[in-house]
Amino acid sequence: MSTLAHTMMTAARSSESGIAGPGELDRYPYAEAPGADRVGAPAWEGADSELGRVGRRSAGNRGRGLHGQLVQQLGQMIVSGDLGADRPLVPEEIGQRFEVSRTVVRESLRVLEAKGLVSARPNVGTRVRPVSDWNLLDPDIIEWRAFGPQRDDQRRELSELRWTIEPLAARLAAGHGREEVQQRLADMVEIMGHALAQGDGVTYARADAEFHGLLIQLAGNRMLDHLSGIVSAALQVSGAPATGCDRPHEGTLGHHSRIVDCLASGDGQGAESAMRQLLTVHPEVERVVPAPREH
């Protein structure tokens, strides 16, 4: 096994035990068990009693203390519909209920405003915005939707979006001779193979996320590269499958290998076809888009 593969697999196993692992893979945090991020505060009474509910910690707010935890809780409540559109959010009340400072509340609401979830206006205050105003491409919102009532819509929409982005990226990547990136892609396939043989789903998933992110970067299109975070979020949201990659087997590994081979030979059409086949391995995706036709 290569040093890179050993490092990634060690880091993945360390993350399962709660110990920080070495290397770049720390950039790929995964959702933790519910209950890990409770802000020590009572739930809001009455219709808002669910505000004390603790969900998963998203990648965007991981490790940010009370500020990140408050963003997480309020964001989840808004996305789930527990805090409906046009609902006023009173900073003083939030601070009292969650026992956090005015500064924490203010900064948390600013983050939510940047995501399009709330708006703050003079003489009106801070209110929840309708879904049409949300930044649905934000990785946090993708995760919150994936674990809320909209999870089925989120899976379908992610699948459709990836079907549009990744085959094109694979075709464009074949025209770029960045050998170091292509080698990195080959390394990811090697790591995935070792992980598959050992039944190590965590390492497989991390290498898979790295593979797809690198492929989009290799395409050399800055606008596609800007969307790479969406693909990473789709792959990192556990329990919300977007492709067959989250259920690894020899077939998915073979499609990844074929993509790498096509990139090395400059076969853009072959790389695009292999990516489409990879994205239709999962039955849910196959219901969303038709299987590719071979020419």
C-alpha atoms as a PDB file:
ATOM      1  CA  MET A   1       0.000   0.000   0.000  1.00  0.00           C
ATOM      2  CA  SER A   2       1.332   3.496  -0.808  1.00  0.00           C
ATOM      3  CA  THR A   3       2.230   5.983   1.931  1.00  0.00           C
ATOM      4  CA  LEU A   4      -0.620   8.229   0.790  1.00  0.00           C
ATOM      5  CA  ALA A   5      -3.155   5.423   1.055  1.00  0.00           C
ATOM      6  CA  HIS A   6      -1.898   4.454   4.500  1.00  0.00           C
ATOM      7  CA  THR A   7      -2.086   8.070   5.711  1.00  0.00           C
ATOM      8  CA  MET A   8      -5.662   8.543   4.488  1.00  0.00           C
ATOM      9  CA  MET A   9      -6.890   5.284   5.927  1.00  0.00           C
ATOM     10  CA  THR A  10      -5.241   6.030   9.276  1.00  0.00           C
ATOM     11  CA  ALA A  11      -6.780   9.490   9.348  1.00  0.00           C
ATOM     12  CA  ALA A  12     -10.227   8.100   8.555  1.00  0.00           C
ATOM     13  CA  ARG A  13     -10.039   5.485  11.298  1.00  0.00           C
ATOM     14  CA  SER A  14      -8.847   8.155  13.748  1.00  0.00           C
ATOM     15  CA  SER A  15     -11.865  10.322  12.927  1.00  0.00           C
ATOM     16  CA  GLU A  16     -14.182   7.493  13.817  1.00  0.00           C
ATOM     17  CA  SER A  17     -12.645   7.320  17.280  1.00  0.00           C
ATOM     18  CA  GLY A  18     -12.856  11.078  17.770  1.00  0.00           C
ATOM     19  CA  ILE A  19      -9.090  11.621  17.413  1.00  0.00           C
ATOM     20  CA  ALA A  20      -7.904  14.156  14.891  1.00  0.00           C
ATOM     21  CA  GLY A  21      -5.987  12.456  12.105  1.00  0.00           C
ATOM     22  CA  PRO A  22      -3.049  13.870  10.136  1.00  0.00           C
ATOM     23  CA  GLY A  23      -2.915  15.173   6.613  1.00  0.00           C
ATOM     24  CA  GLU A  24      -5.138  16.995   4.211  1.00  0.00           C
ATOM     25  CA  LEU A  25      -8.154  14.881   4.898  1.00  0.00           C
ATOM     26  CA  ASP A  26      -8.955  17.003   7.949  1.00  0.00           C
ATOM     27  CA  ARG A  27     -10.493  19.302   5.332  1.00  0.00           C
ATOM     28  CA  TYR A  28     -13.310  16.804   4.906  1.00  0.00           C
ATOM     29  CA  PRO A  29     -15.280  16.803   8.173  1.00  0.00           C
ATOM     30  CA  TYR A  30     -18.199  14.450   8.467  1.00  0.00           C
ATOM     31  CA  ALA A  31     -21.430  14.824  10.372  1.00  0.00           C
ATOM     32  CA  GLU A  32     -21.223  13.615  13.938  1.00  0.00           C
ATOM     33  CA  ALA A  33     -23.773  11.892  16.071  1.00  0.00           C
ATOM     34  CA  PRO A  34     -26.738  14.013  17.211  1.00  0.00           C
ATOM     35  CA  GLY A  35     -26.238  15.541  20.641  1.00  0.00           C
ATOM     36  CA  ALA A  36     -22.623  16.560  20.173  1.00  0.00           C
ATOM     37  CA  ASP A  37     -23.272  20.289  19.748  1.00  0.00           C
ATOM     38  CA  ARG A  38     -25.949  21.286  22.187  1.00  0.00           C
ATOM     39  CA  VAL A  39     -25.929  24.924  23.134  1.00  0.00           C
ATOM     40  CA  GLY A  40     -26.562  24.847  26.852  1.00  0.00           C
ATOM     41  CA  ALA A  41     -29.898  26.595  26.858  1.00  0.00           C
ATOM     42  CA  PRO A  42     -33.551  25.783  27.403  1.00  0.00           C
ATOM     43  CA  ALA A  43     -35.859  25.221  24.449  1.00  0.00           C
ATOM     44  CA  TRP A  44     -38.229  27.951  23.392  1.00  0.00           C
ATOM     45  CA  GLU A  45     -41.654  27.407  24.887  1.00  0.00           C
ATOM     46  CA  GLY A  46     -44.892  26.715  23.094  1.00  0.00           C
ATOM     47  CA  ALA A  47     -44.825  26.355  19.343  1.00  0.00           C
ATOM     48  CA  ASP A  48     -41.069  26.911  19.379  1.00  0.00           C
ATOM     49  CA  SER A  49     -40.182  24.125  21.786  1.00  0.00           C
ATOM     50  CA  GLU A  50     -38.233  22.374  19.045  1.00  0.00           C
ATOM     51  CA  LEU A  51     -35.581  25.106  19.027  1.00  0.00           C
ATOM     52  CA  GLY A  52     -33.635  23.214  21.635  1.00  0.00           C
ATOM     53  CA  ARG A  53     -33.319  20.218  19.346  1.00  0.00           C
ATOM     54  CA  VAL A  54     -29.761  19.419  18.414  1.00  0.00           C
ATOM     55  CA  GLY A  55     -28.894  18.146  14.963  1.00  0.00           C
ATOM     56  CA  ARG A  56     -25.721  17.399  13.058  1.00  0.00           C
ATOM     57  CA  ARG A  57     -22.823  19.776  12.793  1.00  0.00           C
ATOM     58  CA  SER A  58     -22.173  20.954   9.291  1.00  0.00           C
ATOM     59  CA  ALA A  59     -18.830  21.297   7.602  1.00  0.00           C
ATOM     60  CA  GLY A  60     -19.151  25.067   7.326  1.00  0.00           C
ATOM     61  CA  ASN A  61     -19.549  25.633  11.067  1.00  0.00           C
ATOM     62  CA  ARG A  62     -17.452  22.805  12.472  1.00  0.00           C
ATOM     63  CA  GLY A  63     -15.329  23.784  15.448  1.00  0.00           C
ATOM     64  CA  ARG A  64     -16.522  27.384  15.768  1.00  0.00           C
ATOM     65  CA  GLY A  65     -17.764  27.182  19.347  1.00  0.00           C
ATOM     66  CA  LEU A  66     -20.993  28.811  20.491  1.00  0.00           C
ATOM     67  CA  HIS A  67     -21.211  30.939  17.354  1.00  0.00           C
ATOM     68  CA  GLY A  68     -21.088  27.930  15.046  1.00  0.00           C
ATOM     69  CA  GLN A  69     -23.477  25.964  17.236  1.00  0.00           C
ATOM     70  CA  LEU A  70     -26.040  28.756  17.238  1.00  0.00           C
ATOM     71  CA  VAL A  71     -25.789  29.143  13.463  1.00  0.00           C
ATOM     72  CA  GLN A  72     -26.300  25.398  13.164  1.00  0.00           C
ATOM     73  CA  GLN A  73     -29.375  25.266  15.387  1.00  0.00           C
ATOM     74  CA  LEU A  74     -31.108  28.332  13.980  1.00  0.00           C
ATOM     75  CA  GLY A  75     -30.253  27.298  10.421  1.00  0.00           C
ATOM     76  CA  GLN A  76     -31.693  23.830  10.928  1.00  0.00           C
ATOM     77  CA  MET A  77     -34.877  25.251  12.441  1.00  0.00           C
ATOM     78  CA  ILE A  78     -35.363  27.647   9.536  1.00  0.00           C
ATOM     79  CA  VAL A  79     -34.694  25.053   6.840  1.00  0.00           C
ATOM     80  CA  SER A  80     -36.920  22.468   8.533  1.00  0.00           C
ATOM     81  CA  GLY A  81     -39.791  24.954   8.648  1.00  0.00           C
ATOM     82  CA  ASP A  82     -39.937  25.165  12.439  1.00  0.00           C
ATOM     83  CA  LEU A  83     -39.225  28.856  12.026  1.00  0.00           C
ATOM     84  CA  GLY A  84     -41.449  29.799   9.111  1.00  0.00           C
ATOM     85  CA  ALA A  85     -41.071  32.571   6.575  1.00  0.00           C
ATOM     86  CA  ASP A  86     -41.457  36.096   7.917  1.00  0.00           C
ATOM     87  CA  ARG A  87     -40.981  34.842  11.458  1.00  0.00           C
ATOM     88  CA  PRO A  88     -39.339  37.606  13.557  1.00  0.00           C
ATOM     89  CA  LEU A  89     -36.089  36.694  15.302  1.00  0.00           C
ATOM     90  CA  VAL A  90     -35.479  38.909  18.344  1.00  0.00           C
ATOM     91  CA  PRO A  91     -31.767  38.915  19.241  1.00  0.00           C
ATOM     92  CA  GLU A  92     -32.403  39.562  22.941  1.00  0.00           C
ATOM     93  CA  GLU A  93     -34.799  36.632  23.128  1.00  0.00           C
ATOM     94  CA  ILE A  94     -32.404  34.307  21.300  1.00  0.00           C
ATOM     95  CA  GLY A  95     -29.566  35.313  23.620  1.00  0.00           C
ATOM     96  CA  GLN A  96     -31.660  34.626  26.703  1.00  0.00           C
ATOM     97  CA  ARG A  97     -33.010  31.295  25.493  1.00  0.00           C
ATOM     98  CA  PHE A  98     -29.624  29.937  24.420  1.00  0.00           C
ATOM     99  CA  GLU A  99     -27.604  31.679  27.117  1.00  0.00           C
ATOM    100  CA  VAL A 100     -25.189  33.273  24.709  1.00  0.00           C
ATOM    101  CA  SER A 101     -23.898  36.815  24.451  1.00  0.00           C
ATOM    102  CA  ARG A 102     -25.297  39.561  22.278  1.00  0.00           C
ATOM    103  CA  THR A 103     -22.149  39.379  20.161  1.00  0.00           C
ATOM    104  CA  VAL A 104     -22.638  35.651  19.481  1.00  0.00           C
ATOM    105  CA  VAL A 105     -26.256  36.251  18.461  1.00  0.00           C
ATOM    106  CA  ARG A 106     -25.368  39.183  16.225  1.00  0.00           C
ATOM    107  CA  GLU A 107     -22.584  37.324  14.410  1.00  0.00           C
ATOM    108  CA  SER A 108     -24.744  34.216  14.001  1.00  0.00           C
ATOM    109  CA  LEU A 109     -27.555  36.205  12.432  1.00  0.00           C
ATOM    110  CA  ARG A 110     -25.065  37.825  10.061  1.00  0.00           C
ATOM    111  CA  VAL A 111     -23.965  34.391   8.865  1.00  0.00           C
ATOM    112  CA  LEU A 112     -27.575  33.335   8.327  1.00  0.00           C
ATOM    113  CA  GLU A 113     -28.236  36.585   6.470  1.00  0.00           C
ATOM    114  CA  ALA A 114     -25.301  35.900   4.144  1.00  0.00           C
ATOM    115  CA  LYS A 115     -26.859  32.527   3.369  1.00  0.00           C
ATOM    116  CA  GLY A 116     -30.146  34.238   2.480  1.00  0.00           C
ATOM    117  CA  LEU A 117     -32.058  32.660   5.365  1.00  0.00           C
ATOM    118  CA  VAL A 118     -32.854  35.885   7.225  1.00  0.00           C
ATOM    119  CA  SER A 119     -32.970  39.588   6.497  1.00  0.00           C
ATOM    120  CA  ALA A 120     -32.352  42.510   8.841  1.00  0.00           C
ATOM    121  CA  ARG A 121     -33.977  45.861   8.162  1.00  0.00           C
ATOM    122  CA  PRO A 122     -34.214  49.067  10.173  1.00  0.00           C
ATOM    123  CA  ASN A 123     -37.495  49.434  12.075  1.00  0.00           C
ATOM    124  CA  VAL A 124     -38.472  45.928  10.981  1.00  0.00           C
ATOM    125  CA  GLY A 125     -35.892  43.755  12.680  1.00  0.00           C
ATOM    126  CA  THR A 126     -34.600  40.353  11.619  1.00  0.00           C
ATOM    127  CA  ARG A 127     -37.042  38.012   9.909  1.00  0.00           C
ATOM    128  CA  VAL A 128     -36.889  34.625   8.245  1.00  0.00           C
ATOM    129  CA  ARG A 129     -36.865  34.840   4.453  1.00  0.00           C
ATOM    130  CA  PRO A 130     -38.826  32.562   2.085  1.00  0.00           C
ATOM    131  CA  VAL A 131     -37.166  29.563   0.443  1.00  0.00           C
ATOM    132  CA  SER A 132     -36.913  31.433  -2.858  1.00  0.00           C
ATOM    133  CA  ASP A 133     -34.340  33.758  -1.255  1.00  0.00           C
ATOM    134  CA  TRP A 134     -32.099  31.058   0.216  1.00  0.00           C
ATOM    135  CA  ASN A 135     -28.673  30.302  -1.228  1.00  0.00           C
ATOM    136  CA  LEU A 136     -29.474  26.684  -2.019  1.00  0.00           C
ATOM    137  CA  LEU A 137     -25.912  26.093  -3.236  1.00  0.00           C
ATOM    138  CA  ASP A 138     -24.475  26.831   0.206  1.00  0.00           C
ATOM    139  CA  PRO A 139     -22.937  23.628   1.640  1.00  0.00           C
ATOM    140  CA  ASP A 140     -24.539  24.221   5.057  1.00  0.00           C
ATOM    141  CA  ILE A 141     -28.002  24.619   3.552  1.00  0.00           C
ATOM    142  CA  ILE A 142     -27.449  21.522   1.426  1.00  0.00           C
ATOM    143  CA  GLU A 143     -26.716  19.554   4.588  1.00  0.00           C
ATOM    144  CA  TRP A 144     -29.583  21.037   6.586  1.00  0.00           C
ATOM    145  CA  ARG A 145     -32.031  20.225   3.806  1.00  0.00           C
ATOM    146  CA  ALA A 146     -30.595  16.713   3.511  1.00  0.00           C
ATOM    147  CA  PHE A 147     -31.500  15.977   7.126  1.00  0.00           C
ATOM    148  CA  GLY A 148     -34.841  17.771   7.176  1.00  0.00           C
ATOM    149  CA  PRO A 149     -38.298  17.380   5.689  1.00  0.00           C
ATOM    150  CA  GLN A 150     -36.941  18.371   2.257  1.00  0.00           C
ATOM    151  CA  ARG A 151     -34.417  15.526   2.144  1.00  0.00           C
ATOM    152  CA  ASP A 152     -36.069  13.738  -0.805  1.00  0.00           C
ATOM    153  CA  ASP A 153     -36.114  16.924  -2.877  1.00  0.00           C
ATOM    154  CA  GLN A 154     -32.511  17.608  -1.875  1.00  0.00           C
ATOM    155  CA  ARG A 155     -31.354  14.171  -3.036  1.00  0.00           C
ATOM    156  CA  ARG A 156     -33.124  14.513  -6.353  1.00  0.00           C
ATOM    157  CA  GLU A 157     -31.859  18.041  -6.983  1.00  0.00           C
ATOM    158  CA  LEU A 158     -28.284  17.141  -6.087  1.00  0.00           C
ATOM    159  CA  SER A 159     -28.420  14.156  -8.408  1.00  0.00           C
ATOM    160  CA  GLU A 160     -29.720  16.255 -11.285  1.00  0.00           C
ATOM    161  CA  LEU A 161     -27.123  18.957 -10.679  1.00  0.00           C
ATOM    162  CA  ARG A 162     -24.251  16.498 -10.500  1.00  0.00           C
ATOM    163  CA  TRP A 163     -25.471  14.842 -13.686  1.00  0.00           C
ATOM    164  CA  THR A 164     -25.094  18.215 -15.361  1.00  0.00           C
ATOM    165  CA  ILE A 165     -21.747  19.234 -13.856  1.00  0.00           C
ATOM    166  CA  GLU A 166     -19.544  16.172 -13.624  1.00  0.00           C
ATOM    167  CA  PRO A 167     -19.775  14.543 -17.075  1.00  0.00           C
ATOM    168  CA  LEU A 168     -18.905  17.914 -18.607  1.00  0.00           C
ATOM    169  CA  ALA A 169     -16.020  18.345 -16.161  1.00  0.00           C
ATOM    170  CA  ALA A 170     -14.711  14.877 -17.047  1.00  0.00           C
ATOM    171  CA  ARG A 171     -14.745  15.682 -20.762  1.00  0.00           C
ATOM    172  CA  LEU A 172     -12.967  19.019 -20.271  1.00  0.00           C
ATOM    173  CA  ALA A 173     -10.410  17.504 -17.889  1.00  0.00           C
ATOM    174  CA  ALA A 174      -9.204  15.160 -20.621  1.00  0.00           C
ATOM    175  CA  GLY A 175      -7.841  18.139 -22.506  1.00  0.00           C
ATOM    176  CA  HIS A 176      -5.605  19.324 -19.693  1.00  0.00           C
ATOM    177  CA  GLY A 177      -2.241  17.673 -19.177  1.00  0.00           C
ATOM    178  CA  ARG A 178      -1.681  18.436 -15.493  1.00  0.00           C
ATOM    179  CA  GLU A 179       0.140  15.242 -14.678  1.00  0.00           C
ATOM    180  CA  GLU A 180       0.381  15.911 -10.944  1.00  0.00           C
ATOM    181  CA  VAL A 181      -3.411  16.197 -10.651  1.00  0.00           C
ATOM    182  CA  GLN A 182      -3.985  13.106 -12.803  1.00  0.00           C
ATOM    183  CA  GLN A 183      -1.553  11.219 -10.553  1.00  0.00           C
ATOM    184  CA  ARG A 184      -3.493  12.390  -7.533  1.00  0.00           C
ATOM    185  CA  LEU A 185      -6.681  11.046  -9.119  1.00  0.00           C
ATOM    186  CA  ALA A 186      -4.969   7.704  -9.664  1.00  0.00           C
ATOM    187  CA  ASP A 187      -3.861   7.752  -6.017  1.00  0.00           C
ATOM    188  CA  MET A 188      -7.459   8.261  -4.928  1.00  0.00           C
ATOM    189  CA  VAL A 189      -8.548   5.224  -6.937  1.00  0.00           C
ATOM    190  CA  GLU A 190      -5.803   3.196  -5.285  1.00  0.00           C
ATOM    191  CA  ILE A 191      -6.932   4.320  -1.856  1.00  0.00           C
ATOM    192  CA  MET A 192     -10.552   3.517  -2.700  1.00  0.00           C
ATOM    193  CA  GLY A 193      -9.498   0.035  -3.786  1.00  0.00           C
ATOM    194  CA  HIS A 194      -7.672  -0.647  -0.527  1.00  0.00           C
ATOM    195  CA  ALA A 195     -10.581   0.741   1.476  1.00  0.00           C
ATOM    196  CA  LEU A 196     -13.064  -1.400  -0.437  1.00  0.00           C
ATOM    197  CA  ALA A 197     -11.020  -4.523   0.248  1.00  0.00           C
ATOM    198  CA  GLN A 198     -10.938  -3.738   3.955  1.00  0.00           C
ATOM    199  CA  GLY A 199     -14.558  -2.667   4.238  1.00  0.00           C
ATOM    200  CA  ASP A 200     -13.459   0.832   5.271  1.00  0.00           C
ATOM    201  CA  GLY A 201     -16.368   2.983   4.116  1.00  0.00           C
ATOM    202  CA  VAL A 202     -15.084   6.177   5.758  1.00  0.00           C
ATOM    203  CA  THR A 203     -11.780   6.155   3.892  1.00  0.00           C
ATOM    204  CA  TYR A 204     -13.553   5.216   0.661  1.00  0.00           C
ATOM    205  CA  ALA A 205     -15.939   8.161   1.011  1.00  0.00           C
ATOM    206  CA  ARG A 206     -13.148  10.629   1.707  1.00  0.00           C
ATOM    207  CA  ALA A 207     -11.052   9.490  -1.217  1.00  0.00           C
ATOM    208  CA  ASP A 208     -14.173   9.597  -3.394  1.00  0.00           C
ATOM    209  CA  ALA A 209     -14.858  13.206  -2.385  1.00  0.00           C
ATOM    210  CA  GLU A 210     -11.244  14.113  -3.125  1.00  0.00           C
ATOM    211  CA  PHE A 211     -11.465  12.389  -6.523  1.00  0.00           C
ATOM    212  CA  HIS A 212     -14.547  14.287  -7.671  1.00  0.00           C
ATOM    213  CA  GLY A 213     -13.269  17.631  -6.384  1.00  0.00           C
ATOM    214  CA  LEU A 214      -9.941  17.201  -8.162  1.00  0.00           C
ATOM    215  CA  LEU A 215     -11.653  16.205 -11.382  1.00  0.00           C
ATOM    216  CA  ILE A 216     -13.653  19.423 -11.466  1.00  0.00           C
ATOM    217  CA  GLN A 217     -10.507  21.442 -10.769  1.00  0.00           C
ATOM    218  CA  LEU A 218      -8.721  19.675 -13.617  1.00  0.00           C
ATOM    219  CA  ALA A 219     -11.440  20.776 -16.041  1.00  0.00           C
ATOM    220  CA  GLY A 220      -9.890  24.247 -16.074  1.00  0.00           C
ATOM    221  CA  ASN A 221     -13.232  26.064 -15.954  1.00  0.00           C
ATOM    222  CA  ARG A 222     -13.423  28.559 -13.121  1.00  0.00           C
ATOM    223  CA  MET A 223     -17.203  28.572 -13.032  1.00  0.00           C
ATOM    224  CA  LEU A 224     -17.315  24.799 -12.754  1.00  0.00           C
ATOM    225  CA  ASP A 225     -14.595  24.962 -10.129  1.00  0.00           C
ATOM    226  CA  HIS A 226     -16.805  27.314  -8.141  1.00  0.00           C
ATOM    227  CA  LEU A 227     -19.423  24.576  -8.033  1.00  0.00           C
ATOM    228  CA  SER A 228     -17.025  21.935  -6.726  1.00  0.00           C
ATOM    229  CA  GLY A 229     -18.176  22.652  -3.177  1.00  0.00           C
ATOM    230  CA  ILE A 230     -21.637  21.420  -4.110  1.00  0.00           C
ATOM    231  CA  VAL A 231     -20.265  18.081  -5.224  1.00  0.00           C
ATOM    232  CA  SER A 232     -18.208  17.772  -2.049  1.00  0.00           C
ATOM    233  CA  ALA A 233     -21.243  18.587   0.069  1.00  0.00           C
ATOM    234  CA  ALA A 234     -23.323  16.006  -1.781  1.00  0.00           C
ATOM    235  CA  LEU A 235     -20.702  13.327  -1.173  1.00  0.00           C
ATOM    236  CA  GLN A 236     -20.110  14.269   2.457  1.00  0.00           C
ATOM    237  CA  VAL A 237     -23.744  14.298   3.574  1.00  0.00           C
ATOM    238  CA  SER A 238     -24.068  10.887   5.157  1.00  0.00           C
ATOM    239  CA  GLY A 239     -27.425   9.178   4.943  1.00  0.00           C
ATOM    240  CA  ALA A 240     -28.462  11.136   1.866  1.00  0.00           C
ATOM    241  CA  PRO A 241     -27.141   9.212  -1.149  1.00  0.00           C
ATOM    242  CA  ALA A 242     -26.689  11.174  -4.321  1.00  0.00           C
ATOM    243  CA  THR A 243     -24.824   8.574  -6.333  1.00  0.00           C
ATOM    244  CA  GLY A 244     -23.784   4.972  -6.193  1.00  0.00           C
ATOM    245  CA  CYS A 245     -20.450   6.106  -4.740  1.00  0.00           C
ATOM    246  CA  ASP A 246     -21.842   5.997  -1.213  1.00  0.00           C
ATOM    247  CA  ARG A 247     -22.381   2.238  -1.615  1.00  0.00           C
ATOM    248  CA  PRO A 248     -18.954   1.197  -2.874  1.00  0.00           C
ATOM    249  CA  HIS A 249     -18.459  -1.989  -4.849  1.00  0.00           C
ATOM    250  CA  GLU A 250     -16.241  -3.204  -7.665  1.00  0.00           C
ATOM    251  CA  GLY A 251     -18.475  -1.617 -10.293  1.00  0.00           C
ATOM    252  CA  THR A 252     -18.134   1.934  -8.951  1.00  0.00           C
ATOM    253  CA  LEU A 253     -14.400   1.451  -8.480  1.00  0.00           C
ATOM    254  CA  GLY A 254     -14.101   0.275 -12.087  1.00  0.00           C
ATOM    255  CA  HIS A 255     -15.854   3.406 -13.381  1.00  0.00           C
ATOM    256  CA  HIS A 256     -13.438   5.595 -11.410  1.00  0.00           C
ATOM    257  CA  SER A 257     -10.493   3.699 -12.888  1.00  0.00           C
ATOM    258  CA  ARG A 258     -11.864   4.056 -16.390  1.00  0.00           C
ATOM    259  CA  ILE A 259     -12.196   7.821 -15.927  1.00  0.00           C
ATOM    260  CA  VAL A 260      -8.542   8.046 -14.904  1.00  0.00           C
ATOM    261  CA  ASP A 261      -7.459   5.970 -17.914  1.00  0.00           C
ATOM    262  CA  CYS A 262      -9.470   8.142 -20.300  1.00  0.00           C
ATOM    263  CA  LEU A 263      -7.981  11.310 -18.841  1.00  0.00           C
ATOM    264  CA  ALA A 264      -4.460   9.939 -19.247  1.00  0.00           C
ATOM    265  CA  SER A 265      -5.114   9.136 -22.918  1.00  0.00           C
ATOM    266  CA  GLY A 266      -6.928  12.400 -23.632  1.00  0.00           C
ATOM    267  CA  ASP A 267     -10.200  10.615 -24.385  1.00  0.00           C
ATOM    268  CA  GLY A 268     -12.757  13.247 -23.404  1.00  0.00           C
ATOM    269  CA  GLN A 269     -15.768  11.375 -24.763  1.00  0.00           C
ATOM    270  CA  GLY A 270     -14.743   8.228 -22.930  1.00  0.00           C
ATOM    271  CA  ALA A 271     -14.248  10.122 -19.650  1.00  0.00           C
ATOM    272  CA  GLU A 272     -17.667  11.736 -20.013  1.00  0.00           C
ATOM    273  CA  SER A 273     -19.314   8.386 -20.728  1.00  0.00           C
ATOM    274  CA  ALA A 274     -17.612   6.738 -17.742  1.00  0.00           C
ATOM    275  CA  MET A 275     -18.771   9.520 -15.447  1.00  0.00           C
ATOM    276  CA  ARG A 276     -22.351   9.190 -16.656  1.00  0.00           C
ATOM    277  CA  GLN A 277     -22.220   5.465 -15.993  1.00  0.00           C
ATOM    278  CA  LEU A 278     -20.846   6.123 -12.520  1.00  0.00           C
ATOM    279  CA  LEU A 279     -23.667   8.538 -11.746  1.00  0.00           C
ATOM    280  CA  THR A 280     -26.333   6.039 -12.795  1.00  0.00           C
ATOM    281  CA  VAL A 281     -25.119   3.159 -10.633  1.00  0.00           C
ATOM    282  CA  HIS A 282     -27.499   4.102  -7.851  1.00  0.00           C
ATOM    283  CA  PRO A 283     -31.189   3.273  -8.554  1.00  0.00           C
ATOM    284  CA  GLU A 284     -32.359   6.661  -7.241  1.00  0.00           C
ATOM    285  CA  VAL A 285     -30.245   8.481  -9.789  1.00  0.00           C
ATOM    286  CA  GLU A 286     -31.352   6.161 -12.558  1.00  0.00           C
ATOM    287  CA  ARG A 287     -34.939   7.213 -11.909  1.00  0.00           C
ATOM    288  CA  VAL A 288     -33.910  10.844 -12.232  1.00  0.00           C
ATOM    289  CA  VAL A 289     -31.957  10.652 -15.466  1.00  0.00           C
ATOM    290  CA  PRO A 290     -31.837   8.096 -18.260  1.00  0.00           C
ATOM    291  CA  ALA A 291     -28.892   5.756 -18.567  1.00  0.00           C
ATOM    292  CA  PRO A 292     -26.340   6.920 -21.141  1.00  0.00           C
ATOM    293  CA  ARG A 293     -26.438   5.520 -24.632  1.00  0.00           C
ATOM    294  CA  GLU A 294     -23.233   4.114 -26.020  1.00  0.00           C
ATOM    295  CA  HIS A 295     -22.361   5.365 -29.516  1.00  0.00           C
END
